[in-house]
């Protein structure tokens, strides 16, 4: 998401995505109001919203199970977050 308060965090996330992951950064505001990051933005807190270019009909329902999680995607997401937290390329 392209939240104004998150510009530098988004740029760092894009950089670390390219250097440390197979995920491709995509700046898309289509779901900016629906993302879990939106309340943080409204409070002036930098936030990043990762999404997998597909809609999961079970998201946030009783059928939203960790067993159905795409763990390969999660692994890449984790790599980016580790790079962000450590500040390393």
C-alpha atoms as a PDB file:
ATOM      1  CA  UNK A   1       0.000   0.000   0.000  1.00  0.00           C
ATOM      2  CA  UNK A   2       1.179   3.478  -0.683  1.00  0.00           C
ATOM      3  CA  UNK A   3       0.398   5.083   2.663  1.00  0.00           C
ATOM      4  CA  UNK A   4       2.016   8.549   2.866  1.00  0.00           C
ATOM      5  CA  UNK A   5       3.394   7.868   6.383  1.00  0.00           C
ATOM      6  CA  UNK A   6       5.051   4.653   5.186  1.00  0.00           C
ATOM      7  CA  UNK A   7       7.059   5.854   2.197  1.00  0.00           C
ATOM      8  CA  UNK A   8      10.542   5.059   3.562  1.00  0.00           C
ATOM      9  CA  UNK A   9       9.386   1.746   5.053  1.00  0.00           C
ATOM     10  CA  UNK A  10       7.816   0.792   1.699  1.00  0.00           C
ATOM     11  CA  UNK A  11      11.000   1.702  -0.186  1.00  0.00           C
ATOM     12  CA  UNK A  12      13.114  -0.376   2.237  1.00  0.00           C
ATOM     13  CA  UNK A  13      10.672  -3.267   1.899  1.00  0.00           C
ATOM     14  CA  UNK A  14      10.921  -3.096  -1.893  1.00  0.00           C
ATOM     15  CA  UNK A  15      14.729  -3.052  -1.710  1.00  0.00           C
ATOM     16  CA  UNK A  16      14.874  -6.033   0.668  1.00  0.00           C
ATOM     17  CA  UNK A  17      12.288  -7.916  -1.372  1.00  0.00           C
ATOM     18  CA  UNK A  18      14.451  -7.633  -4.462  1.00  0.00           C
ATOM     19  CA  UNK A  19      17.682  -8.518  -2.641  1.00  0.00           C
ATOM     20  CA  UNK A  20      16.483 -11.240  -0.273  1.00  0.00           C
ATOM     21  CA  UNK A  21      13.383 -12.823  -1.721  1.00  0.00           C
ATOM     22  CA  UNK A  22      11.739 -14.182  -4.842  1.00  0.00           C
ATOM     23  CA  UNK A  23       8.695 -11.974  -4.178  1.00  0.00           C
ATOM     24  CA  UNK A  24       8.199  -9.034  -6.503  1.00  0.00           C
ATOM     25  CA  UNK A  25       7.205  -5.715  -4.956  1.00  0.00           C
ATOM     26  CA  UNK A  26       3.908  -4.376  -6.205  1.00  0.00           C
ATOM     27  CA  UNK A  27       2.584  -1.031  -5.050  1.00  0.00           C
ATOM     28  CA  UNK A  28      -1.186  -1.349  -5.362  1.00  0.00           C
ATOM     29  CA  UNK A  29      -3.738   0.649  -3.384  1.00  0.00           C
ATOM     30  CA  UNK A  30      -6.763  -1.371  -4.500  1.00  0.00           C
ATOM     31  CA  UNK A  31      -7.336  -2.844  -1.043  1.00  0.00           C
ATOM     32  CA  UNK A  32      -5.853  -0.034   1.049  1.00  0.00           C
ATOM     33  CA  UNK A  33      -8.984   0.431   3.148  1.00  0.00           C
ATOM     34  CA  UNK A  34      -9.473  -3.310   3.647  1.00  0.00           C
ATOM     35  CA  UNK A  35      -5.957  -4.217   4.735  1.00  0.00           C
ATOM     36  CA  UNK A  36      -5.088  -4.962   8.343  1.00  0.00           C
ATOM     37  CA  UNK A  37      -2.527  -2.162   8.057  1.00  0.00           C
ATOM     38  CA  UNK A  38      -5.136   0.542   7.429  1.00  0.00           C
ATOM     39  CA  UNK A  39      -5.928   1.337  11.101  1.00  0.00           C
ATOM     40  CA  UNK A  40      -2.188   1.817  11.705  1.00  0.00           C
ATOM     41  CA  UNK A  41      -2.053   4.291   8.825  1.00  0.00           C
ATOM     42  CA  UNK A  42      -5.041   6.168  10.269  1.00  0.00           C
ATOM     43  CA  UNK A  43      -3.107   6.475  13.535  1.00  0.00           C
ATOM     44  CA  UNK A  44      -0.029   7.836  11.742  1.00  0.00           C
ATOM     45  CA  UNK A  45       2.016   4.655  12.190  1.00  0.00           C
ATOM     46  CA  UNK A  46       4.137   3.334   9.315  1.00  0.00           C
ATOM     47  CA  UNK A  47       2.718   0.064   8.079  1.00  0.00           C
ATOM     48  CA  UNK A  48       3.314  -2.397   5.281  1.00  0.00           C
ATOM     49  CA  UNK A  49       0.649  -4.694   3.904  1.00  0.00           C
ATOM     50  CA  UNK A  50       1.770  -7.886   2.167  1.00  0.00           C
ATOM     51  CA  UNK A  51      -0.704  -9.696  -0.025  1.00  0.00           C
ATOM     52  CA  UNK A  52      -0.547 -12.584  -2.475  1.00  0.00           C
ATOM     53  CA  UNK A  53      -2.358 -11.240  -5.556  1.00  0.00           C
ATOM     54  CA  UNK A  54      -5.273 -13.574  -4.944  1.00  0.00           C
ATOM     55  CA  UNK A  55      -8.419 -13.373  -2.893  1.00  0.00           C
ATOM     56  CA  UNK A  56      -8.981 -16.082  -0.289  1.00  0.00           C
ATOM     57  CA  UNK A  57     -12.725 -16.542   0.211  1.00  0.00           C
ATOM     58  CA  UNK A  58     -12.058 -18.041   3.665  1.00  0.00           C
ATOM     59  CA  UNK A  59      -9.967 -15.135   4.971  1.00  0.00           C
ATOM     60  CA  UNK A  60     -11.185 -13.910   8.363  1.00  0.00           C
ATOM     61  CA  UNK A  61     -13.841 -16.612   8.564  1.00  0.00           C
ATOM     62  CA  UNK A  62     -14.138 -19.778  10.640  1.00  0.00           C
ATOM     63  CA  UNK A  63     -12.686 -21.651   7.624  1.00  0.00           C
ATOM     64  CA  UNK A  64      -9.476 -19.552   7.694  1.00  0.00           C
ATOM     65  CA  UNK A  65      -7.103 -22.316   8.832  1.00  0.00           C
ATOM     66  CA  UNK A  66      -3.330 -22.254   9.183  1.00  0.00           C
ATOM     67  CA  UNK A  67      -3.250 -25.666   7.483  1.00  0.00           C
ATOM     68  CA  UNK A  68      -4.304 -23.914   4.261  1.00  0.00           C
ATOM     69  CA  UNK A  69      -1.552 -21.332   4.509  1.00  0.00           C
ATOM     70  CA  UNK A  70       0.960 -20.991   1.668  1.00  0.00           C
ATOM     71  CA  UNK A  71       4.095 -21.632   3.705  1.00  0.00           C
ATOM     72  CA  UNK A  72       6.446 -20.981   0.776  1.00  0.00           C
ATOM     73  CA  UNK A  73       4.991 -17.466   0.533  1.00  0.00           C
ATOM     74  CA  UNK A  74       5.253 -17.108   4.317  1.00  0.00           C
ATOM     75  CA  UNK A  75       8.927 -18.092   4.163  1.00  0.00           C
ATOM     76  CA  UNK A  76       9.634 -15.321   1.655  1.00  0.00           C
ATOM     77  CA  UNK A  77       7.632 -12.834   3.705  1.00  0.00           C
ATOM     78  CA  UNK A  78       9.652 -13.845   6.776  1.00  0.00           C
ATOM     79  CA  UNK A  79      12.952 -13.323   4.925  1.00  0.00           C
ATOM     80  CA  UNK A  80      11.936  -9.775   4.012  1.00  0.00           C
ATOM     81  CA  UNK A  81      10.853  -9.013   7.568  1.00  0.00           C
ATOM     82  CA  UNK A  82      14.121 -10.333   9.008  1.00  0.00           C
ATOM     83  CA  UNK A  83      16.061  -8.070   6.640  1.00  0.00           C
ATOM     84  CA  UNK A  84      13.847  -5.102   7.626  1.00  0.00           C
ATOM     85  CA  UNK A  85      14.259  -5.721  11.353  1.00  0.00           C
ATOM     86  CA  UNK A  86      18.004  -6.241  11.135  1.00  0.00           C
ATOM     87  CA  UNK A  87      18.582  -3.441   8.631  1.00  0.00           C
ATOM     88  CA  UNK A  88      20.775  -5.749   6.554  1.00  0.00           C
ATOM     89  CA  UNK A  89      20.842  -6.291   2.822  1.00  0.00           C
END
